[in-house]
C-alpha atoms as a PDB file:
ATOM      1  CA  UNK A   1       2.945 -20.285   6.242  1.00  0.00           C
ATOM      2  CA  UNK A   2       3.402 -19.487   2.524  1.00  0.00           C
ATOM      3  CA  UNK A   3       6.599 -20.345   0.769  1.00  0.00           C
ATOM      4  CA  UNK A   4       9.352 -17.787   0.996  1.00  0.00           C
ATOM      5  CA  UNK A   5      11.671 -16.465  -1.661  1.00  0.00           C
ATOM      6  CA  UNK A   6      15.136 -15.112  -0.929  1.00  0.00           C
ATOM      7  CA  UNK A   7      16.061 -11.980  -2.839  1.00  0.00           C
ATOM      8  CA  UNK A   8      19.777 -11.260  -2.980  1.00  0.00           C
ATOM      9  CA  UNK A   9      20.415  -7.645  -2.089  1.00  0.00           C
ATOM     10  CA  UNK A  10      22.136  -5.740  -4.911  1.00  0.00           C
ATOM     11  CA  UNK A  11      25.660  -4.516  -4.332  1.00  0.00           C
ATOM     12  CA  UNK A  12      24.362  -0.967  -3.951  1.00  0.00           C
ATOM     13  CA  UNK A  13      21.868  -1.912  -1.249  1.00  0.00           C
ATOM     14  CA  UNK A  14      22.840   0.301   1.642  1.00  0.00           C
ATOM     15  CA  UNK A  15      22.960  -0.388   5.324  1.00  0.00           C
ATOM     16  CA  UNK A  16      20.222   2.211   5.691  1.00  0.00           C
ATOM     17  CA  UNK A  17      17.884   0.322   3.382  1.00  0.00           C
ATOM     18  CA  UNK A  18      18.516  -2.919   5.246  1.00  0.00           C
ATOM     19  CA  UNK A  19      17.638  -1.054   8.456  1.00  0.00           C
ATOM     20  CA  UNK A  20      14.452   0.079   6.759  1.00  0.00           C
ATOM     21  CA  UNK A  21      13.359  -3.485   6.042  1.00  0.00           C
ATOM     22  CA  UNK A  22      14.501  -4.900   9.345  1.00  0.00           C
ATOM     23  CA  UNK A  23      13.501  -2.164  11.787  1.00  0.00           C
ATOM     24  CA  UNK A  24      11.271   0.546  10.332  1.00  0.00           C
ATOM     25  CA  UNK A  25       8.795  -1.264   8.089  1.00  0.00           C
ATOM     26  CA  UNK A  26       7.733  -3.841  10.704  1.00  0.00           C
ATOM     27  CA  UNK A  27       6.896  -0.994  13.104  1.00  0.00           C
ATOM     28  CA  UNK A  28       4.933   0.849  10.460  1.00  0.00           C
ATOM     29  CA  UNK A  29       3.071  -2.351   9.607  1.00  0.00           C
ATOM     30  CA  UNK A  30       2.102  -2.790  13.257  1.00  0.00           C
ATOM     31  CA  UNK A  31       0.679   0.732  13.392  1.00  0.00           C
ATOM     32  CA  UNK A  32      -1.337   0.202  10.221  1.00  0.00           C
ATOM     33  CA  UNK A  33      -2.710  -3.123  11.406  1.00  0.00           C
ATOM     34  CA  UNK A  34      -3.383  -2.349  15.071  1.00  0.00           C
ATOM     35  CA  UNK A  35      -4.239   1.350  15.017  1.00  0.00           C
ATOM     36  CA  UNK A  36      -5.572   1.971  11.538  1.00  0.00           C
ATOM     37  CA  UNK A  37      -7.317  -1.402  11.774  1.00  0.00           C
ATOM     38  CA  UNK A  38      -6.398  -2.313   8.227  1.00  0.00           C
ATOM     39  CA  UNK A  39      -5.532  -5.983   7.981  1.00  0.00           C
ATOM     40  CA  UNK A  40      -4.367  -5.649   4.382  1.00  0.00           C
ATOM     41  CA  UNK A  41      -0.642  -5.752   3.751  1.00  0.00           C
ATOM     42  CA  UNK A  42       1.194  -2.492   3.240  1.00  0.00           C
ATOM     43  CA  UNK A  43       4.563  -4.119   2.459  1.00  0.00           C
ATOM     44  CA  UNK A  44       5.953  -7.548   1.776  1.00  0.00           C
ATOM     45  CA  UNK A  45       6.841  -9.132   5.093  1.00  0.00           C
ATOM     46  CA  UNK A  46      10.566  -9.345   5.759  1.00  0.00           C
ATOM     47  CA  UNK A  47      11.237 -12.907   6.831  1.00  0.00           C
ATOM     48  CA  UNK A  48      14.935 -12.506   7.495  1.00  0.00           C
ATOM     49  CA  UNK A  49      17.897 -10.190   7.037  1.00  0.00           C
ATOM     50  CA  UNK A  50      21.424 -11.546   6.684  1.00  0.00           C
ATOM     51  CA  UNK A  51      23.853  -8.640   6.817  1.00  0.00           C
ATOM     52  CA  UNK A  52      26.920 -10.829   6.388  1.00  0.00           C
ATOM     53  CA  UNK A  53      25.606 -12.232   3.119  1.00  0.00           C
ATOM     54  CA  UNK A  54      23.982  -8.938   2.174  1.00  0.00           C
ATOM     55  CA  UNK A  55      20.633 -10.620   1.553  1.00  0.00           C
ATOM     56  CA  UNK A  56      17.009 -10.138   2.489  1.00  0.00           C
ATOM     57  CA  UNK A  57      14.299 -12.774   2.530  1.00  0.00           C
ATOM     58  CA  UNK A  58      10.726 -11.712   1.747  1.00  0.00           C
ATOM     59  CA  UNK A  59       7.504 -13.644   1.648  1.00  0.00           C
ATOM     60  CA  UNK A  60       6.524 -14.750  -1.839  1.00  0.00           C
ATOM     61  CA  UNK A  61       3.671 -12.423  -2.795  1.00  0.00           C
ATOM     62  CA  UNK A  62       2.905 -14.261  -6.011  1.00  0.00           C
ATOM     63  CA  UNK A  63       1.249 -16.917  -3.881  1.00  0.00           C
ATOM     64  CA  UNK A  64      -1.331 -14.309  -2.918  1.00  0.00           C
ATOM     65  CA  UNK A  65      -1.674 -13.250  -6.545  1.00  0.00           C
ATOM     66  CA  UNK A  66      -0.024  -9.857  -6.214  1.00  0.00           C
ATOM     67  CA  UNK A  67       1.298  -8.455  -9.454  1.00  0.00           C
ATOM     68  CA  UNK A  68       2.713  -5.257 -10.907  1.00  0.00           C
ATOM     69  CA  UNK A  69       0.540  -3.174 -13.228  1.00  0.00           C
ATOM     70  CA  UNK A  70       1.718  -2.267 -16.713  1.00  0.00           C
ATOM     71  CA  UNK A  71       4.196   0.612 -16.523  1.00  0.00           C
ATOM     72  CA  UNK A  72       3.380   1.629 -20.113  1.00  0.00           C
ATOM     73  CA  UNK A  73      -0.414   1.663 -19.798  1.00  0.00           C
ATOM     74  CA  UNK A  74      -0.174   3.206 -16.318  1.00  0.00           C
ATOM     75  CA  UNK A  75      -2.952   3.362 -13.731  1.00  0.00           C
ATOM     76  CA  UNK A  76      -6.609   4.244 -14.049  1.00  0.00           C
ATOM     77  CA  UNK A  77      -8.613   6.126 -11.432  1.00  0.00           C
ATOM     78  CA  UNK A  78      -9.548   3.010  -9.466  1.00  0.00           C
ATOM     79  CA  UNK A  79      -5.905   2.003  -9.025  1.00  0.00           C
ATOM     80  CA  UNK A  80      -4.910   5.608  -8.336  1.00  0.00           C
ATOM     81  CA  UNK A  81      -7.384   6.027  -5.489  1.00  0.00           C
ATOM     82  CA  UNK A  82      -6.170   2.793  -3.907  1.00  0.00           C
ATOM     83  CA  UNK A  83      -2.515   3.849  -4.040  1.00  0.00           C
ATOM     84  CA  UNK A  84      -3.366   7.232  -2.515  1.00  0.00           C
ATOM     85  CA  UNK A  85      -5.306   5.559   0.276  1.00  0.00           C
ATOM     86  CA  UNK A  86      -2.362   3.296   1.090  1.00  0.00           C
ATOM     87  CA  UNK A  87       0.089   6.201   0.816  1.00  0.00           C
ATOM     88  CA  UNK A  88      -1.965   8.148   3.350  1.00  0.00           C
ATOM     89  CA  UNK A  89      -1.725   5.212   5.771  1.00  0.00           C
ATOM     90  CA  UNK A  90       2.022   4.908   5.179  1.00  0.00           C
ATOM     91  CA  UNK A  91       2.588   8.615   5.758  1.00  0.00           C
ATOM     92  CA  UNK A  92       0.393   8.710   8.861  1.00  0.00           C
ATOM     93  CA  UNK A  93       2.176   5.713  10.350  1.00  0.00           C
ATOM     94  CA  UNK A  94       5.554   7.331   9.666  1.00  0.00           C
ATOM     95  CA  UNK A  95       4.510  10.558  11.372  1.00  0.00           C
ATOM     96  CA  UNK A  96       3.223   8.638  14.392  1.00  0.00           C
ATOM     97  CA  UNK A  97       6.393   6.555  14.679  1.00  0.00           C
ATOM     98  CA  UNK A  98       8.544   9.687  14.556  1.00  0.00           C
ATOM     99  CA  UNK A  99       6.602  11.181  17.458  1.00  0.00           C
ATOM    100  CA  UNK A 100       6.926   8.053  19.549  1.00  0.00           C
ATOM    101  CA  UNK A 101      10.613   7.545  18.816  1.00  0.00           C
ATOM    102  CA  UNK A 102      12.090  11.027  18.413  1.00  0.00           C
ATOM    103  CA  UNK A 103      15.101  11.082  16.137  1.00  0.00           C
ATOM    104  CA  UNK A 104      14.382   7.757  14.451  1.00  0.00           C
ATOM    105  CA  UNK A 105      14.424   9.384  11.003  1.00  0.00           C
ATOM    106  CA  UNK A 106      16.959  12.146  11.667  1.00  0.00           C
ATOM    107  CA  UNK A 107      19.877  10.022  10.513  1.00  0.00           C
ATOM    108  CA  UNK A 108      20.000   8.232   7.158  1.00  0.00           C
ATOM    109  CA  UNK A 109      16.671   9.533   5.849  1.00  0.00           C
ATOM    110  CA  UNK A 110      17.788  12.829   4.344  1.00  0.00           C
ATOM    111  CA  UNK A 111      19.096  11.631   0.967  1.00  0.00           C
ATOM    112  CA  UNK A 112      16.544  11.481  -1.816  1.00  0.00           C
ATOM    113  CA  UNK A 113      17.129  12.331  -5.467  1.00  0.00           C
ATOM    114  CA  UNK A 114      17.912  15.858  -4.294  1.00  0.00           C
ATOM    115  CA  UNK A 115      19.773  16.497  -1.055  1.00  0.00           C
ATOM    116  CA  UNK A 116      22.327  18.800   0.532  1.00  0.00           C
ATOM    117  CA  UNK A 117      25.069  16.168   0.734  1.00  0.00           C
ATOM    118  CA  UNK A 118      25.814  15.120  -2.830  1.00  0.00           C
ATOM    119  CA  UNK A 119      24.714  15.845  -6.377  1.00  0.00           C
ATOM    120  CA  UNK A 120      25.134  12.367  -7.740  1.00  0.00           C
ATOM    121  CA  UNK A 121      22.184  12.740 -10.102  1.00  0.00           C
ATOM    122  CA  UNK A 122      23.395  15.965 -11.709  1.00  0.00           C
ATOM    123  CA  UNK A 123      24.959  14.286 -14.797  1.00  0.00           C
ATOM    124  CA  UNK A 124      21.756  12.312 -15.311  1.00  0.00           C
ATOM    125  CA  UNK A 125      19.521  15.362 -15.031  1.00  0.00           C
ATOM    126  CA  UNK A 126      21.720  17.418 -17.355  1.00  0.00           C
ATOM    127  CA  UNK A 127      22.074  14.735 -20.020  1.00  0.00           C
ATOM    128  CA  UNK A 128      18.360  14.054 -20.118  1.00  0.00           C
ATOM    129  CA  UNK A 129      17.342  17.724 -20.241  1.00  0.00           C
ATOM    130  CA  UNK A 130      19.752  18.223 -23.151  1.00  0.00           C
ATOM    131  CA  UNK A 131      17.960  15.343 -24.895  1.00  0.00           C
ATOM    132  CA  UNK A 132      14.621  17.052 -24.221  1.00  0.00           C
ATOM    133  CA  UNK A 133      15.988  20.252 -25.762  1.00  0.00           C
ATOM    134  CA  UNK A 134      17.169  18.374 -28.857  1.00  0.00           C
ATOM    135  CA  UNK A 135      13.769  16.713 -29.166  1.00  0.00           C
ATOM    136  CA  UNK A 136      12.138  20.146 -29.320  1.00  0.00           C
ATOM    137  CA  UNK A 137      14.051  20.776 -32.557  1.00  0.00           C
ATOM    138  CA  UNK A 138      11.550  18.421 -34.198  1.00  0.00           C
ATOM    139  CA  UNK A 139       8.520  20.489 -33.190  1.00  0.00           C
ATOM    140  CA  UNK A 140       8.820  24.170 -34.183  1.00  0.00           C
ATOM    141  CA  UNK A 141       5.935  25.314 -32.000  1.00  0.00           C
ATOM    142  CA  UNK A 142       7.345  23.680 -28.868  1.00  0.00           C
ATOM    143  CA  UNK A 143      10.860  24.832 -29.743  1.00  0.00           C
ATOM    144  CA  UNK A 144       9.764  28.456 -29.974  1.00  0.00           C
ATOM    145  CA  UNK A 145       7.843  28.379 -26.704  1.00  0.00           C
ATOM    146  CA  UNK A 146       9.942  26.144 -24.482  1.00  0.00           C
ATOM    147  CA  UNK A 147      13.464  25.373 -25.704  1.00  0.00           C
ATOM    148  CA  UNK A 148      15.063  28.451 -24.133  1.00  0.00           C
ATOM    149  CA  UNK A 149      13.401  27.593 -20.822  1.00  0.00           C
ATOM    150  CA  UNK A 150      14.617  24.001 -20.945  1.00  0.00           C
ATOM    151  CA  UNK A 151      18.146  25.161 -21.788  1.00  0.00           C
ATOM    152  CA  UNK A 152      18.177  27.466 -18.753  1.00  0.00           C
ATOM    153  CA  UNK A 153      16.811  24.658 -16.636  1.00  0.00           C
ATOM    154  CA  UNK A 154      19.852  22.498 -17.419  1.00  0.00           C
ATOM    155  CA  UNK A 155      22.060  24.776 -15.344  1.00  0.00           C
ATOM    156  CA  UNK A 156      19.563  25.150 -12.506  1.00  0.00           C
ATOM    157  CA  UNK A 157      17.852  21.779 -12.153  1.00  0.00           C
ATOM    158  CA  UNK A 158      19.771  20.719  -9.068  1.00  0.00           C
ATOM    159  CA  UNK A 159      19.262  24.052  -7.300  1.00  0.00           C
ATOM    160  CA  UNK A 160      15.542  24.017  -8.017  1.00  0.00           C
ATOM    161  CA  UNK A 161      15.267  20.368  -7.050  1.00  0.00           C
ATOM    162  CA  UNK A 162      16.975  20.980  -3.733  1.00  0.00           C
ATOM    163  CA  UNK A 163      14.619  23.866  -3.037  1.00  0.00           C
ATOM    164  CA  UNK A 164      11.637  21.627  -3.724  1.00  0.00           C
ATOM    165  CA  UNK A 165      12.699  19.256  -0.948  1.00  0.00           C
ATOM    166  CA  UNK A 166      13.661  21.978   1.524  1.00  0.00           C
ATOM    167  CA  UNK A 167      11.249  21.778   4.430  1.00  0.00           C
ATOM    168  CA  UNK A 168       9.581  25.149   5.010  1.00  0.00           C
ATOM    169  CA  UNK A 169       8.248  26.334   8.376  1.00  0.00           C
ATOM    170  CA  UNK A 170       4.796  24.882   8.893  1.00  0.00           C
ATOM    171  CA  UNK A 171       5.224  22.032   6.412  1.00  0.00           C
ATOM    172  CA  UNK A 172       3.738  18.706   7.406  1.00  0.00           C
ATOM    173  CA  UNK A 173       6.560  16.177   7.086  1.00  0.00           C
ATOM    174  CA  UNK A 174       6.779  12.436   7.430  1.00  0.00           C
ATOM    175  CA  UNK A 175       8.570   9.438   5.965  1.00  0.00           C
ATOM    176  CA  UNK A 176       8.118   9.605   2.194  1.00  0.00           C
ATOM    177  CA  UNK A 177       8.603   6.514   0.056  1.00  0.00           C
ATOM    178  CA  UNK A 178      10.690   8.550  -2.365  1.00  0.00           C
ATOM    179  CA  UNK A 179      10.283   6.385  -5.480  1.00  0.00           C
ATOM    180  CA  UNK A 180       6.592   5.613  -5.706  1.00  0.00           C
ATOM    181  CA  UNK A 181       5.759   4.673  -9.289  1.00  0.00           C
ATOM    182  CA  UNK A 182       3.990   1.858 -11.104  1.00  0.00           C
ATOM    183  CA  UNK A 183       6.730  -0.753 -10.862  1.00  0.00           C
ATOM    184  CA  UNK A 184       7.183  -0.178  -7.126  1.00  0.00           C
ATOM    185  CA  UNK A 185       3.551  -0.990  -6.359  1.00  0.00           C
ATOM    186  CA  UNK A 186       2.047  -4.475  -6.443  1.00  0.00           C
ATOM    187  CA  UNK A 187      -1.705  -5.006  -6.661  1.00  0.00           C
ATOM    188  CA  UNK A 188      -3.993  -7.767  -5.506  1.00  0.00           C
ATOM    189  CA  UNK A 189      -7.272  -8.252  -7.388  1.00  0.00           C
ATOM    190  CA  UNK A 190     -10.665  -9.768  -6.684  1.00  0.00           C
ATOM    191  CA  UNK A 191     -12.306 -12.310  -8.968  1.00  0.00           C
ATOM    192  CA  UNK A 192     -13.823  -9.538 -11.078  1.00  0.00           C
ATOM    193  CA  UNK A 193     -10.467  -7.895 -11.730  1.00  0.00           C
ATOM    194  CA  UNK A 194     -10.827  -4.945  -9.383  1.00  0.00           C
ATOM    195  CA  UNK A 195      -7.804  -3.981  -7.251  1.00  0.00           C
ATOM    196  CA  UNK A 196      -8.451  -4.657  -3.573  1.00  0.00           C
ATOM    197  CA  UNK A 197      -5.013  -3.976  -2.134  1.00  0.00           C
ATOM    198  CA  UNK A 198      -1.730  -2.316  -3.026  1.00  0.00           C
ATOM    199  CA  UNK A 199       1.642  -2.845  -1.386  1.00  0.00           C
ATOM    200  CA  UNK A 200       4.829  -0.828  -1.760  1.00  0.00           C
ATOM    201  CA  UNK A 201       8.276  -2.177  -2.561  1.00  0.00           C
ATOM    202  CA  UNK A 202      11.797  -0.745  -3.006  1.00  0.00           C
ATOM    203  CA  UNK A 203      12.560   1.747  -0.239  1.00  0.00           C
ATOM    204  CA  UNK A 204      16.073   2.805  -1.222  1.00  0.00           C
ATOM    205  CA  UNK A 205      15.035   6.458  -1.634  1.00  0.00           C
ATOM    206  CA  UNK A 206      12.857   6.787   1.466  1.00  0.00           C
ATOM    207  CA  UNK A 207      13.333  10.226   2.963  1.00  0.00           C
ATOM    208  CA  UNK A 208      12.026  12.387   5.798  1.00  0.00           C
ATOM    209  CA  UNK A 209      10.247  15.126   3.871  1.00  0.00           C
ATOM    210  CA  UNK A 210       6.923  16.429   2.663  1.00  0.00           C
ATOM    211  CA  UNK A 211       4.484  13.744   1.484  1.00  0.00           C
ATOM    212  CA  UNK A 212       3.850  16.066  -1.450  1.00  0.00           C
ATOM    213  CA  UNK A 213       7.004  14.773  -3.132  1.00  0.00           C
ATOM    214  CA  UNK A 214       5.474  11.290  -3.240  1.00  0.00           C
ATOM    215  CA  UNK A 215       2.298  12.706  -4.760  1.00  0.00           C
ATOM    216  CA  UNK A 216       4.112  14.668  -7.458  1.00  0.00           C
ATOM    217  CA  UNK A 217       6.331  11.724  -8.341  1.00  0.00           C
ATOM    218  CA  UNK A 218       3.409   9.303  -8.480  1.00  0.00           C
ATOM    219  CA  UNK A 219       1.168  11.614 -10.509  1.00  0.00           C
ATOM    220  CA  UNK A 220       3.960  12.476 -12.950  1.00  0.00           C
ATOM    221  CA  UNK A 221       5.067   8.919 -13.668  1.00  0.00           C
ATOM    222  CA  UNK A 222       2.238   6.502 -13.076  1.00  0.00           C
ATOM    223  CA  UNK A 223      -1.322   7.618 -13.818  1.00  0.00           C
ATOM    224  CA  UNK A 224      -3.276   8.095 -17.033  1.00  0.00           C
ATOM    225  CA  UNK A 225      -2.523  11.385 -18.757  1.00  0.00           C
ATOM    226  CA  UNK A 226      -6.053  12.766 -18.548  1.00  0.00           C
ATOM    227  CA  UNK A 227      -6.109  12.124 -14.801  1.00  0.00           C
ATOM    228  CA  UNK A 228      -2.680  13.712 -14.328  1.00  0.00           C
ATOM    229  CA  UNK A 229      -3.579  16.832 -16.270  1.00  0.00           C
ATOM    230  CA  UNK A 230      -7.189  17.345 -15.211  1.00  0.00           C
ATOM    231  CA  UNK A 231      -7.745  15.899 -11.740  1.00  0.00           C
ATOM    232  CA  UNK A 232      -4.678  16.545  -9.596  1.00  0.00           C
ATOM    233  CA  UNK A 233      -6.372  19.012  -7.256  1.00  0.00           C
ATOM    234  CA  UNK A 234      -9.168  16.526  -6.653  1.00  0.00           C
ATOM    235  CA  UNK A 235      -6.673  13.707  -6.060  1.00  0.00           C
ATOM    236  CA  UNK A 236      -4.739  15.792  -3.544  1.00  0.00           C
ATOM    237  CA  UNK A 237      -7.994  16.431  -1.679  1.00  0.00           C
ATOM    238  CA  UNK A 238      -8.813  12.712  -1.687  1.00  0.00           C
ATOM    239  CA  UNK A 239      -5.362  11.888  -0.330  1.00  0.00           C
ATOM    240  CA  UNK A 240      -5.546  14.681   2.248  1.00  0.00           C
ATOM    241  CA  UNK A 241      -8.878  13.479   3.620  1.00  0.00           C
ATOM    242  CA  UNK A 242      -7.497   9.954   3.997  1.00  0.00           C
ATOM    243  CA  UNK A 243      -4.345  11.312   5.650  1.00  0.00           C
ATOM    244  CA  UNK A 244      -6.261  13.399   8.202  1.00  0.00           C
ATOM    245  CA  UNK A 245      -8.472  10.432   9.036  1.00  0.00           C
ATOM    246  CA  UNK A 246      -5.435   8.190   9.538  1.00  0.00           C
ATOM    247  CA  UNK A 247      -3.581  10.786  11.624  1.00  0.00           C
ATOM    248  CA  UNK A 248      -6.592  10.952  13.923  1.00  0.00           C
ATOM    249  CA  UNK A 249      -6.639   7.194  14.377  1.00  0.00           C
ATOM    250  CA  UNK A 250      -2.952   7.033  15.302  1.00  0.00           C
ATOM    251  CA  UNK A 251      -3.475   9.961  17.705  1.00  0.00           C
ATOM    252  CA  UNK A 252      -0.927  12.166  15.995  1.00  0.00           C
ATOM    253  CA  UNK A 253      -0.455  15.237  18.185  1.00  0.00           C
ATOM    254  CA  UNK A 254       1.459  17.461  15.787  1.00  0.00           C
ATOM    255  CA  UNK A 255      -0.036  20.228  13.706  1.00  0.00           C
ATOM    256  CA  UNK A 256      -2.266  18.894  10.969  1.00  0.00           C
ATOM    257  CA  UNK A 257      -2.529  21.337   8.065  1.00  0.00           C
ATOM    258  CA  UNK A 258      -5.814  22.488   6.623  1.00  0.00           C
ATOM    259  CA  UNK A 259      -6.649  21.415   3.096  1.00  0.00           C
ATOM    260  CA  UNK A 260      -5.823  24.938   1.923  1.00  0.00           C
ATOM    261  CA  UNK A 261      -2.421  24.772   3.610  1.00  0.00           C
ATOM    262  CA  UNK A 262      -1.691  21.339   2.206  1.00  0.00           C
ATOM    263  CA  UNK A 263      -2.659  22.362  -1.323  1.00  0.00           C
ATOM    264  CA  UNK A 264      -0.212  25.259  -0.944  1.00  0.00           C
ATOM    265  CA  UNK A 265       2.456  22.849   0.265  1.00  0.00           C
ATOM    266  CA  UNK A 266       1.781  20.614  -2.726  1.00  0.00           C
ATOM    267  CA  UNK A 267       2.200  23.545  -5.122  1.00  0.00           C
ATOM    268  CA  UNK A 268       5.364  24.698  -3.368  1.00  0.00           C
ATOM    269  CA  UNK A 269       6.953  21.312  -4.075  1.00  0.00           C
ATOM    270  CA  UNK A 270       5.856  21.469  -7.703  1.00  0.00           C
ATOM    271  CA  UNK A 271       9.317  21.331  -9.238  1.00  0.00           C
ATOM    272  CA  UNK A 272       9.347  17.672  -8.256  1.00  0.00           C
ATOM    273  CA  UNK A 273       6.861  17.197 -11.083  1.00  0.00           C
ATOM    274  CA  UNK A 274       9.262  18.759 -13.576  1.00  0.00           C
ATOM    275  CA  UNK A 275      12.088  16.309 -13.110  1.00  0.00           C
ATOM    276  CA  UNK A 276       9.728  13.355 -12.642  1.00  0.00           C
ATOM    277  CA  UNK A 277       7.690  14.017 -15.790  1.00  0.00           C
ATOM    278  CA  UNK A 278      10.418  15.311 -18.118  1.00  0.00           C
ATOM    279  CA  UNK A 279      13.428  13.293 -16.980  1.00  0.00           C
ATOM    280  CA  UNK A 280      12.283  10.036 -15.405  1.00  0.00           C
ATOM    281  CA  UNK A 281       8.876   9.249 -16.902  1.00  0.00           C
ATOM    282  CA  UNK A 282       9.980   8.796 -20.530  1.00  0.00           C
ATOM    283  CA  UNK A 283      12.625   6.281 -19.462  1.00  0.00           C
ATOM    284  CA  UNK A 284      10.131   4.445 -17.255  1.00  0.00           C
ATOM    285  CA  UNK A 285       7.627   3.831 -20.042  1.00  0.00           C
ATOM    286  CA  UNK A 286      10.130   3.319 -22.854  1.00  0.00           C
ATOM    287  CA  UNK A 287       9.182   0.192 -24.748  1.00  0.00           C
ATOM    288  CA  UNK A 288      11.615   0.212 -27.648  1.00  0.00           C
ATOM    289  CA  UNK A 289      13.505  -2.702 -29.112  1.00  0.00           C
ATOM    290  CA  UNK A 290      16.865  -1.664 -27.709  1.00  0.00           C
ATOM    291  CA  UNK A 291      17.105  -1.818 -23.935  1.00  0.00           C
ATOM    292  CA  UNK A 292      19.912   0.627 -23.154  1.00  0.00           C
ATOM    293  CA  UNK A 293      21.985   0.196 -20.043  1.00  0.00           C
ATOM    294  CA  UNK A 294      21.605   2.709 -17.255  1.00  0.00           C
ATOM    295  CA  UNK A 295      25.116   3.988 -17.929  1.00  0.00           C
ATOM    296  CA  UNK A 296      24.473   4.571 -21.627  1.00  0.00           C
ATOM    297  CA  UNK A 297      21.025   6.019 -21.073  1.00  0.00           C
ATOM    298  CA  UNK A 298      21.879   8.433 -18.307  1.00  0.00           C
ATOM    299  CA  UNK A 299      25.569   8.899 -17.650  1.00  0.00           C
ATOM    300  CA  UNK A 300      27.720   8.882 -20.771  1.00  0.00           C
ATOM    301  CA  UNK A 301      28.057  11.996 -22.909  1.00  0.00           C
ATOM    302  CA  UNK A 302      29.681  10.256 -25.864  1.00  0.00           C
ATOM    303  CA  UNK A 303      28.064   9.825 -29.260  1.00  0.00           C
ATOM    304  CA  UNK A 304      26.449   6.497 -28.428  1.00  0.00           C
ATOM    305  CA  UNK A 305      24.894   7.821 -25.226  1.00  0.00           C
ATOM    306  CA  UNK A 306      23.518  10.864 -27.038  1.00  0.00           C
ATOM    307  CA  UNK A 307      22.108   8.675 -29.814  1.00  0.00           C
ATOM    308  CA  UNK A 308      20.324   6.378 -27.373  1.00  0.00           C
ATOM    309  CA  UNK A 309      18.819   9.257 -25.423  1.00  0.00           C
ATOM    310  CA  UNK A 310      17.656  10.915 -28.615  1.00  0.00           C
ATOM    311  CA  UNK A 311      16.046   7.686 -29.799  1.00  0.00           C
ATOM    312  CA  UNK A 312      14.129   7.513 -26.543  1.00  0.00           C
ATOM    313  CA  UNK A 313      13.090  11.155 -26.258  1.00  0.00           C
ATOM    314  CA  UNK A 314      12.258  11.677 -29.921  1.00  0.00           C
ATOM    315  CA  UNK A 315       9.675   8.927 -30.170  1.00  0.00           C
ATOM    316  CA  UNK A 316       6.303   9.966 -31.544  1.00  0.00           C
ATOM    317  CA  UNK A 317       4.679   9.060 -28.236  1.00  0.00           C
ATOM    318  CA  UNK A 318       7.053  11.209 -26.201  1.00  0.00           C
ATOM    319  CA  UNK A 319       6.692  14.177 -28.534  1.00  0.00           C
ATOM    320  CA  UNK A 320       2.912  13.951 -28.193  1.00  0.00           C
ATOM    321  CA  UNK A 321       3.321  13.873 -24.443  1.00  0.00           C
ATOM    322  CA  UNK A 322       5.551  16.953 -24.494  1.00  0.00           C
ATOM    323  CA  UNK A 323       2.716  18.862 -26.179  1.00  0.00           C
ATOM    324  CA  UNK A 324       0.663  18.173 -23.046  1.00  0.00           C
ATOM    325  CA  UNK A 325       3.269  18.224 -20.302  1.00  0.00           C
ATOM    326  CA  UNK A 326       5.207  21.362 -21.190  1.00  0.00           C
ATOM    327  CA  UNK A 327       2.156  23.686 -21.239  1.00  0.00           C
ATOM    328  CA  UNK A 328       0.913  22.096 -18.019  1.00  0.00           C
ATOM    329  CA  UNK A 329       4.203  22.774 -16.231  1.00  0.00           C
ATOM    330  CA  UNK A 330       4.662  26.183 -17.823  1.00  0.00           C
ATOM    331  CA  UNK A 331       1.235  27.420 -16.737  1.00  0.00           C
ATOM    332  CA  UNK A 332       2.260  26.674 -13.150  1.00  0.00           C
ATOM    333  CA  UNK A 333       5.444  28.702 -13.574  1.00  0.00           C
ATOM    334  CA  UNK A 334       7.596  25.623 -13.118  1.00  0.00           C
ATOM    335  CA  UNK A 335       9.735  26.209 -16.219  1.00  0.00           C
ATOM    336  CA  UNK A 336      10.619  29.792 -15.298  1.00  0.00           C
ATOM    337  CA  UNK A 337      13.460  31.051 -13.152  1.00  0.00           C
ATOM    338  CA  UNK A 338      12.740  30.394  -9.497  1.00  0.00           C
END
């Protein structure tokens, strides 16, 4: 047995997330291994959970040469396909488990970044969108075309976000990871440097919802720009084919959407790409000298907080990205009133 490493659970680690590691993930892993016949890991094995000490013990994945890809360089097509394949297995296993144990996800899995219970992320969303608007002052062409839309979005971001996670009749739903981006995926490589497996970590935002929210979040934060802008429809089809295959293997008896229906579902959840690409992605890839605290970066509205956000969002790299991202979102109608 490989050596184990104990990871102290942060103070904000919830009882629900501990339940996820202790109860849900082992069941999903069994489905993937025994029914999808994939012997590769999908998660780090949970060796032990100590609720009194608020700690979780995982196997040490570094011994199997797993590592995190570069969050700044992001993922190429080879890595992207692998993550989508593993996501399809994860989503299929979640759907199967929900059928076998009705109600298992009804409690505690309804609170993602947007939810009907609390708007804890509203100050973050508003502060960051204001920084985006100020950044547009530096580019007259973008300012003329998009600043008014961004300013309107500030007042509506939470409403639109909540709509994007509202399950519509006929939607295929399952357990979504909720925070699937480069740093929450670890890769294992062969001797030639090709990725042969990917495992997921950090399940604090796992939510019962459309798998499309995982796709939008992943595409918007973690893959090369040319792939994100030019090949999303193809990537959704690749994921969908893997999902349908996996659902068949686990004998899922619910309604499986057609590709046409799933592409529509993906588009209907498109606002998820707005907040992921405009609000979260720039902070995820920020590589500046000053590492601002979460509070300063997101929460505070004082002069120092504004200055730090402006320094991040007004980088040359981010302004170049806005020239690509804003037209992409706007052409889909995602910056207009909804």
